[in-house]
């Protein structure tokens, strides 16, 4: 939802701003397409770097845990016992559980209780990058089509309405998923989106007129 929302807002701002400066469909299309491609690449790259850093950090912690279990098994057993005690388990039960889990699979026990990491389910940076880029493109296509399909006189009003409706639906869906107030979320994104579009159109119209 965040990627799609970014795609809607970013490309809508570009095409509305350019439409404020010129009515040439080719210019608007080129600017919108450039914004779509640049935004998708930026989102994918940012997500790839972020998730790669997270994965590297998790792998480093797993490597450290293996080293500690190999060289300091008694210390690690005491650490696991203390973790269970901190959760409210009695010292005797905590020690028993820690010993049994260590005997079964010490590494799995520690990464679950201590690191809260599943070694078989680490984040995939390529999947995250692809999902981020795809969601941005899906969102960006709406304002791009909305500005290109209507006649010149209707381009900006149609795009305004389409974008605000899309933002309202996205805000409502996000609020429902997150369990927050739907009305407040819709008003926030719609008012913010309308203000942003009005501003970019004004900038495009002002500078387009001044420099023509």
C-alpha atoms as a PDB file:
ATOM      1  CA  UNK A   1       0.000   0.000   0.000  1.00  0.00           C
ATOM      2  CA  UNK A   2       2.801   2.424   0.810  1.00  0.00           C
ATOM      3  CA  UNK A   3       4.520   1.796  -2.515  1.00  0.00           C
ATOM      4  CA  UNK A   4       1.292   2.227  -4.470  1.00  0.00           C
ATOM      5  CA  UNK A   5       0.472   5.379  -2.543  1.00  0.00           C
ATOM      6  CA  UNK A   6       3.919   6.787  -3.323  1.00  0.00           C
ATOM      7  CA  UNK A   7       3.428   5.957  -6.988  1.00  0.00           C
ATOM      8  CA  UNK A   8       0.083   7.730  -7.113  1.00  0.00           C
ATOM      9  CA  UNK A   9       1.273  10.874  -5.360  1.00  0.00           C
ATOM     10  CA  UNK A  10       4.695  11.162  -7.028  1.00  0.00           C
ATOM     11  CA  UNK A  11       3.601  10.710 -10.634  1.00  0.00           C
ATOM     12  CA  UNK A  12       0.387  12.676 -10.114  1.00  0.00           C
ATOM     13  CA  UNK A  13       2.437  15.609  -8.879  1.00  0.00           C
ATOM     14  CA  UNK A  14       4.708  15.409 -11.926  1.00  0.00           C
ATOM     15  CA  UNK A  15       2.014  15.136 -14.585  1.00  0.00           C
ATOM     16  CA  UNK A  16      -0.218  17.759 -12.952  1.00  0.00           C
ATOM     17  CA  UNK A  17       2.723  20.137 -12.703  1.00  0.00           C
ATOM     18  CA  UNK A  18       3.698  19.613 -16.333  1.00  0.00           C
ATOM     19  CA  UNK A  19       0.052  19.908 -17.427  1.00  0.00           C
ATOM     20  CA  UNK A  20      -0.025  23.278 -15.696  1.00  0.00           C
ATOM     21  CA  UNK A  21       2.806  24.407 -17.952  1.00  0.00           C
ATOM     22  CA  UNK A  22       1.851  22.813 -21.266  1.00  0.00           C
ATOM     23  CA  UNK A  23      -1.035  21.042 -22.971  1.00  0.00           C
ATOM     24  CA  UNK A  24       1.228  18.917 -25.176  1.00  0.00           C
ATOM     25  CA  UNK A  25       0.354  15.275 -24.582  1.00  0.00           C
ATOM     26  CA  UNK A  26       3.822  14.044 -25.588  1.00  0.00           C
ATOM     27  CA  UNK A  27       5.560  16.252 -23.052  1.00  0.00           C
ATOM     28  CA  UNK A  28       3.207  15.186 -20.284  1.00  0.00           C
ATOM     29  CA  UNK A  29       3.610  11.524 -21.196  1.00  0.00           C
ATOM     30  CA  UNK A  30       7.404  11.750 -21.270  1.00  0.00           C
ATOM     31  CA  UNK A  31       7.551  13.473 -17.899  1.00  0.00           C
ATOM     32  CA  UNK A  32       5.099  11.016 -16.351  1.00  0.00           C
ATOM     33  CA  UNK A  33       6.878   7.977 -17.763  1.00  0.00           C
ATOM     34  CA  UNK A  34      10.239   9.291 -16.584  1.00  0.00           C
ATOM     35  CA  UNK A  35       8.778   9.821 -13.116  1.00  0.00           C
ATOM     36  CA  UNK A  36       7.308   6.305 -13.122  1.00  0.00           C
ATOM     37  CA  UNK A  37      10.588   4.665 -14.140  1.00  0.00           C
ATOM     38  CA  UNK A  38      12.732   6.785 -11.815  1.00  0.00           C
ATOM     39  CA  UNK A  39      10.378   6.225  -8.894  1.00  0.00           C
ATOM     40  CA  UNK A  40      10.180   2.469  -9.434  1.00  0.00           C
ATOM     41  CA  UNK A  41      13.974   2.189  -9.685  1.00  0.00           C
ATOM     42  CA  UNK A  42      14.441   4.363  -6.603  1.00  0.00           C
ATOM     43  CA  UNK A  43      11.923   2.358  -4.579  1.00  0.00           C
ATOM     44  CA  UNK A  44      13.429  -0.961  -5.662  1.00  0.00           C
ATOM     45  CA  UNK A  45      16.995   0.161  -4.972  1.00  0.00           C
ATOM     46  CA  UNK A  46      16.112   1.616  -1.584  1.00  0.00           C
ATOM     47  CA  UNK A  47      14.237  -1.527  -0.563  1.00  0.00           C
ATOM     48  CA  UNK A  48      17.041  -3.775  -1.819  1.00  0.00           C
ATOM     49  CA  UNK A  49      19.668  -1.864   0.160  1.00  0.00           C
ATOM     50  CA  UNK A  50      17.529  -1.769   3.285  1.00  0.00           C
ATOM     51  CA  UNK A  51      16.612  -5.455   3.241  1.00  0.00           C
ATOM     52  CA  UNK A  52      20.156  -6.480   2.273  1.00  0.00           C
ATOM     53  CA  UNK A  53      21.485  -4.594   5.308  1.00  0.00           C
ATOM     54  CA  UNK A  54      18.896  -6.295   7.502  1.00  0.00           C
ATOM     55  CA  UNK A  55      19.795  -9.717   6.092  1.00  0.00           C
ATOM     56  CA  UNK A  56      23.531  -9.091   6.539  1.00  0.00           C
ATOM     57  CA  UNK A  57      22.916  -8.062  10.144  1.00  0.00           C
ATOM     58  CA  UNK A  58      20.829 -11.169  10.822  1.00  0.00           C
ATOM     59  CA  UNK A  59      23.431 -13.446   9.246  1.00  0.00           C
ATOM     60  CA  UNK A  60      26.165 -11.802  11.326  1.00  0.00           C
ATOM     61  CA  UNK A  61      24.163 -12.426  14.507  1.00  0.00           C
ATOM     62  CA  UNK A  62      23.591 -16.054  13.518  1.00  0.00           C
ATOM     63  CA  UNK A  63      27.311 -16.524  12.877  1.00  0.00           C
ATOM     64  CA  UNK A  64      28.144 -14.971  16.248  1.00  0.00           C
ATOM     65  CA  UNK A  65      25.628 -17.234  17.972  1.00  0.00           C
ATOM     66  CA  UNK A  66      27.150 -20.353  16.398  1.00  0.00           C
ATOM     67  CA  UNK A  67      30.596 -19.223  17.550  1.00  0.00           C
ATOM     68  CA  UNK A  68      29.426 -18.598  21.117  1.00  0.00           C
ATOM     69  CA  UNK A  69      27.633 -21.936  21.299  1.00  0.00           C
ATOM     70  CA  UNK A  70      30.760 -23.708  20.133  1.00  0.00           C
ATOM     71  CA  UNK A  71      33.213 -21.914  22.428  1.00  0.00           C
ATOM     72  CA  UNK A  72      31.025 -20.990  25.451  1.00  0.00           C
ATOM     73  CA  UNK A  73      28.275 -23.623  25.766  1.00  0.00           C
ATOM     74  CA  UNK A  74      27.891 -23.250  29.546  1.00  0.00           C
ATOM     75  CA  UNK A  75      27.558 -19.484  29.321  1.00  0.00           C
ATOM     76  CA  UNK A  76      25.000 -19.814  26.550  1.00  0.00           C
ATOM     77  CA  UNK A  77      22.997 -22.357  28.558  1.00  0.00           C
ATOM     78  CA  UNK A  78      22.904 -19.977  31.519  1.00  0.00           C
ATOM     79  CA  UNK A  79      21.831 -17.181  29.185  1.00  0.00           C
ATOM     80  CA  UNK A  80      18.971 -19.268  27.783  1.00  0.00           C
ATOM     81  CA  UNK A  81      17.867 -20.184  31.317  1.00  0.00           C
ATOM     82  CA  UNK A  82      17.852 -16.514  32.293  1.00  0.00           C
ATOM     83  CA  UNK A  83      15.685 -15.665  29.272  1.00  0.00           C
ATOM     84  CA  UNK A  84      13.016 -18.139  30.381  1.00  0.00           C
ATOM     85  CA  UNK A  85      13.216 -16.922  33.961  1.00  0.00           C
ATOM     86  CA  UNK A  86      12.674 -13.349  32.766  1.00  0.00           C
ATOM     87  CA  UNK A  87       9.456 -14.510  31.109  1.00  0.00           C
ATOM     88  CA  UNK A  88       8.107 -15.662  34.472  1.00  0.00           C
ATOM     89  CA  UNK A  89       9.179 -19.316  34.516  1.00  0.00           C
ATOM     90  CA  UNK A  90      10.506 -20.648  37.836  1.00  0.00           C
ATOM     91  CA  UNK A  91      14.294 -21.138  37.989  1.00  0.00           C
ATOM     92  CA  UNK A  92      13.970 -24.934  38.181  1.00  0.00           C
ATOM     93  CA  UNK A  93      11.612 -25.150  35.212  1.00  0.00           C
ATOM     94  CA  UNK A  94      13.634 -22.616  33.232  1.00  0.00           C
ATOM     95  CA  UNK A  95      16.810 -24.641  33.750  1.00  0.00           C
ATOM     96  CA  UNK A  96      15.047 -27.860  32.735  1.00  0.00           C
ATOM     97  CA  UNK A  97      13.537 -26.339  29.598  1.00  0.00           C
ATOM     98  CA  UNK A  98      16.846 -24.736  28.618  1.00  0.00           C
ATOM     99  CA  UNK A  99      18.700 -28.033  29.062  1.00  0.00           C
ATOM    100  CA  UNK A 100      16.137 -30.015  27.054  1.00  0.00           C
ATOM    101  CA  UNK A 101      16.047 -27.473  24.215  1.00  0.00           C
ATOM    102  CA  UNK A 102      19.840 -27.325  24.158  1.00  0.00           C
ATOM    103  CA  UNK A 103      20.064 -31.095  23.960  1.00  0.00           C
ATOM    104  CA  UNK A 104      17.573 -31.146  21.087  1.00  0.00           C
ATOM    105  CA  UNK A 105      18.924 -28.194  19.027  1.00  0.00           C
ATOM    106  CA  UNK A 106      20.928 -25.557  20.885  1.00  0.00           C
ATOM    107  CA  UNK A 107      21.284 -23.252  17.886  1.00  0.00           C
ATOM    108  CA  UNK A 108      17.558 -23.259  17.075  1.00  0.00           C
ATOM    109  CA  UNK A 109      16.688 -22.650  20.718  1.00  0.00           C
ATOM    110  CA  UNK A 110      18.967 -19.637  21.012  1.00  0.00           C
ATOM    111  CA  UNK A 111      18.088 -17.934  17.724  1.00  0.00           C
ATOM    112  CA  UNK A 112      14.398 -18.264  18.601  1.00  0.00           C
ATOM    113  CA  UNK A 113      14.496 -17.209  22.247  1.00  0.00           C
ATOM    114  CA  UNK A 114      17.411 -14.781  22.125  1.00  0.00           C
ATOM    115  CA  UNK A 115      17.456 -13.347  18.591  1.00  0.00           C
ATOM    116  CA  UNK A 116      13.875 -13.998  17.460  1.00  0.00           C
ATOM    117  CA  UNK A 117      15.174 -14.980  14.005  1.00  0.00           C
ATOM    118  CA  UNK A 118      14.173 -17.879  11.768  1.00  0.00           C
ATOM    119  CA  UNK A 119      17.351 -18.907   9.882  1.00  0.00           C
ATOM    120  CA  UNK A 120      15.224 -20.536   7.175  1.00  0.00           C
ATOM    121  CA  UNK A 121      13.092 -17.454   6.605  1.00  0.00           C
ATOM    122  CA  UNK A 122      15.490 -14.528   6.256  1.00  0.00           C
ATOM    123  CA  UNK A 123      14.285 -11.520   4.284  1.00  0.00           C
ATOM    124  CA  UNK A 124      14.965 -11.749   0.532  1.00  0.00           C
ATOM    125  CA  UNK A 125      16.205  -8.391  -0.841  1.00  0.00           C
ATOM    126  CA  UNK A 126      15.360  -9.291  -4.444  1.00  0.00           C
ATOM    127  CA  UNK A 127      11.757 -10.154  -3.590  1.00  0.00           C
ATOM    128  CA  UNK A 128      11.403  -7.003  -1.514  1.00  0.00           C
ATOM    129  CA  UNK A 129      12.821  -4.850  -4.319  1.00  0.00           C
ATOM    130  CA  UNK A 130      10.527  -6.397  -6.934  1.00  0.00           C
ATOM    131  CA  UNK A 131       7.446  -5.999  -4.741  1.00  0.00           C
ATOM    132  CA  UNK A 132       8.292  -2.377  -3.990  1.00  0.00           C
ATOM    133  CA  UNK A 133       8.855  -1.522  -7.653  1.00  0.00           C
ATOM    134  CA  UNK A 134       5.690  -3.340  -8.755  1.00  0.00           C
ATOM    135  CA  UNK A 135       3.497  -1.579  -6.193  1.00  0.00           C
ATOM    136  CA  UNK A 136       4.927   1.809  -7.190  1.00  0.00           C
ATOM    137  CA  UNK A 137       4.276   1.139 -10.884  1.00  0.00           C
ATOM    138  CA  UNK A 138       0.696   0.037 -10.223  1.00  0.00           C
ATOM    139  CA  UNK A 139       0.007   3.224  -8.302  1.00  0.00           C
ATOM    140  CA  UNK A 140       1.807   5.427 -10.839  1.00  0.00           C
ATOM    141  CA  UNK A 141      -0.161   4.102 -13.807  1.00  0.00           C
ATOM    142  CA  UNK A 142      -3.411   5.625 -12.535  1.00  0.00           C
ATOM    143  CA  UNK A 143      -2.443   9.326 -12.724  1.00  0.00           C
ATOM    144  CA  UNK A 144      -0.501   8.708 -15.938  1.00  0.00           C
ATOM    145  CA  UNK A 145      -3.534   7.234 -17.677  1.00  0.00           C
ATOM    146  CA  UNK A 146      -5.880   9.782 -16.124  1.00  0.00           C
ATOM    147  CA  UNK A 147      -3.863  12.697 -17.524  1.00  0.00           C
ATOM    148  CA  UNK A 148      -3.411  11.196 -21.002  1.00  0.00           C
ATOM    149  CA  UNK A 149      -6.805   9.756 -21.906  1.00  0.00           C
ATOM    150  CA  UNK A 150      -9.237  12.717 -21.507  1.00  0.00           C
ATOM    151  CA  UNK A 151      -9.363  15.727 -23.863  1.00  0.00           C
ATOM    152  CA  UNK A 152      -6.941  18.550 -23.034  1.00  0.00           C
ATOM    153  CA  UNK A 153      -9.556  20.677 -21.240  1.00  0.00           C
ATOM    154  CA  UNK A 154     -10.494  17.806 -18.909  1.00  0.00           C
ATOM    155  CA  UNK A 155      -7.059  16.366 -18.157  1.00  0.00           C
ATOM    156  CA  UNK A 156      -6.339  18.181 -14.920  1.00  0.00           C
ATOM    157  CA  UNK A 157      -9.860  17.904 -13.380  1.00  0.00           C
ATOM    158  CA  UNK A 158     -10.126  14.205 -14.263  1.00  0.00           C
ATOM    159  CA  UNK A 159      -6.675  13.501 -12.828  1.00  0.00           C
ATOM    160  CA  UNK A 160      -7.485  15.448  -9.662  1.00  0.00           C
ATOM    161  CA  UNK A 161     -10.661  13.430  -9.090  1.00  0.00           C
ATOM    162  CA  UNK A 162      -9.117  10.054  -9.996  1.00  0.00           C
ATOM    163  CA  UNK A 163      -6.111  10.603  -7.758  1.00  0.00           C
ATOM    164  CA  UNK A 164      -8.138  11.785  -4.777  1.00  0.00           C
ATOM    165  CA  UNK A 165     -10.518   8.831  -5.099  1.00  0.00           C
ATOM    166  CA  UNK A 166      -7.571   6.435  -5.294  1.00  0.00           C
ATOM    167  CA  UNK A 167      -5.900   8.044  -2.291  1.00  0.00           C
ATOM    168  CA  UNK A 168      -9.155   7.863  -0.342  1.00  0.00           C
ATOM    169  CA  UNK A 169      -9.560   4.163  -1.112  1.00  0.00           C
ATOM    170  CA  UNK A 170      -5.930   3.481  -0.231  1.00  0.00           C
ATOM    171  CA  UNK A 171      -6.301   5.386   3.034  1.00  0.00           C
ATOM    172  CA  UNK A 172      -9.488   3.513   3.926  1.00  0.00           C
ATOM    173  CA  UNK A 173      -7.920   0.134   3.161  1.00  0.00           C
ATOM    174  CA  UNK A 174      -4.787   0.954   5.169  1.00  0.00           C
ATOM    175  CA  UNK A 175      -6.904   2.085   8.102  1.00  0.00           C
ATOM    176  CA  UNK A 176      -8.996  -1.083   8.041  1.00  0.00           C
ATOM    177  CA  UNK A 177      -5.897  -3.279   7.888  1.00  0.00           C
ATOM    178  CA  UNK A 178      -4.284  -1.338  10.728  1.00  0.00           C
ATOM    179  CA  UNK A 179      -7.486  -1.086  12.773  1.00  0.00           C
ATOM    180  CA  UNK A 180      -7.386   2.719  12.923  1.00  0.00           C
ATOM    181  CA  UNK A 181     -10.070   5.345  12.263  1.00  0.00           C
ATOM    182  CA  UNK A 182     -11.094   5.122   8.576  1.00  0.00           C
ATOM    183  CA  UNK A 183     -12.599   8.590   8.320  1.00  0.00           C
ATOM    184  CA  UNK A 184      -9.559  10.265   9.810  1.00  0.00           C
ATOM    185  CA  UNK A 185      -7.199   8.326   7.548  1.00  0.00           C
ATOM    186  CA  UNK A 186      -9.209   9.161   4.406  1.00  0.00           C
ATOM    187  CA  UNK A 187      -9.445  12.851   5.259  1.00  0.00           C
ATOM    188  CA  UNK A 188      -5.723  13.018   5.965  1.00  0.00           C
ATOM    189  CA  UNK A 189      -4.613  11.531   2.658  1.00  0.00           C
ATOM    190  CA  UNK A 190      -7.265  13.271   0.554  1.00  0.00           C
ATOM    191  CA  UNK A 191      -6.616  16.728   1.994  1.00  0.00           C
ATOM    192  CA  UNK A 192      -2.858  16.241   1.792  1.00  0.00           C
ATOM    193  CA  UNK A 193      -3.103  14.916  -1.754  1.00  0.00           C
ATOM    194  CA  UNK A 194      -5.344  17.770  -2.893  1.00  0.00           C
ATOM    195  CA  UNK A 195      -2.986  20.338  -1.415  1.00  0.00           C
ATOM    196  CA  UNK A 196       0.023  18.702  -3.062  1.00  0.00           C
ATOM    197  CA  UNK A 197      -1.646  18.521  -6.469  1.00  0.00           C
ATOM    198  CA  UNK A 198      -2.830  22.113  -6.267  1.00  0.00           C
ATOM    199  CA  UNK A 199       0.669  23.239  -5.348  1.00  0.00           C
ATOM    200  CA  UNK A 200       2.401  21.354  -8.165  1.00  0.00           C
ATOM    201  CA  UNK A 201      -0.169  22.564 -10.700  1.00  0.00           C
ATOM    202  CA  UNK A 202       0.343  26.126  -9.515  1.00  0.00           C
ATOM    203  CA  UNK A 203       4.123  25.821  -9.799  1.00  0.00           C
ATOM    204  CA  UNK A 204       3.873  24.353 -13.280  1.00  0.00           C
ATOM    205  CA  UNK A 205       1.403  26.968 -14.445  1.00  0.00           C
ATOM    206  CA  UNK A 206       3.389  29.857 -12.931  1.00  0.00           C
ATOM    207  CA  UNK A 207       6.783  28.870 -14.320  1.00  0.00           C
ATOM    208  CA  UNK A 208       5.388  27.542 -17.563  1.00  0.00           C
ATOM    209  CA  UNK A 209       3.729  30.875 -18.238  1.00  0.00           C
ATOM    210  CA  UNK A 210       6.717  32.914 -17.081  1.00  0.00           C
ATOM    211  CA  UNK A 211       9.233  31.007 -19.210  1.00  0.00           C
ATOM    212  CA  UNK A 212       7.106  30.602 -22.344  1.00  0.00           C
END
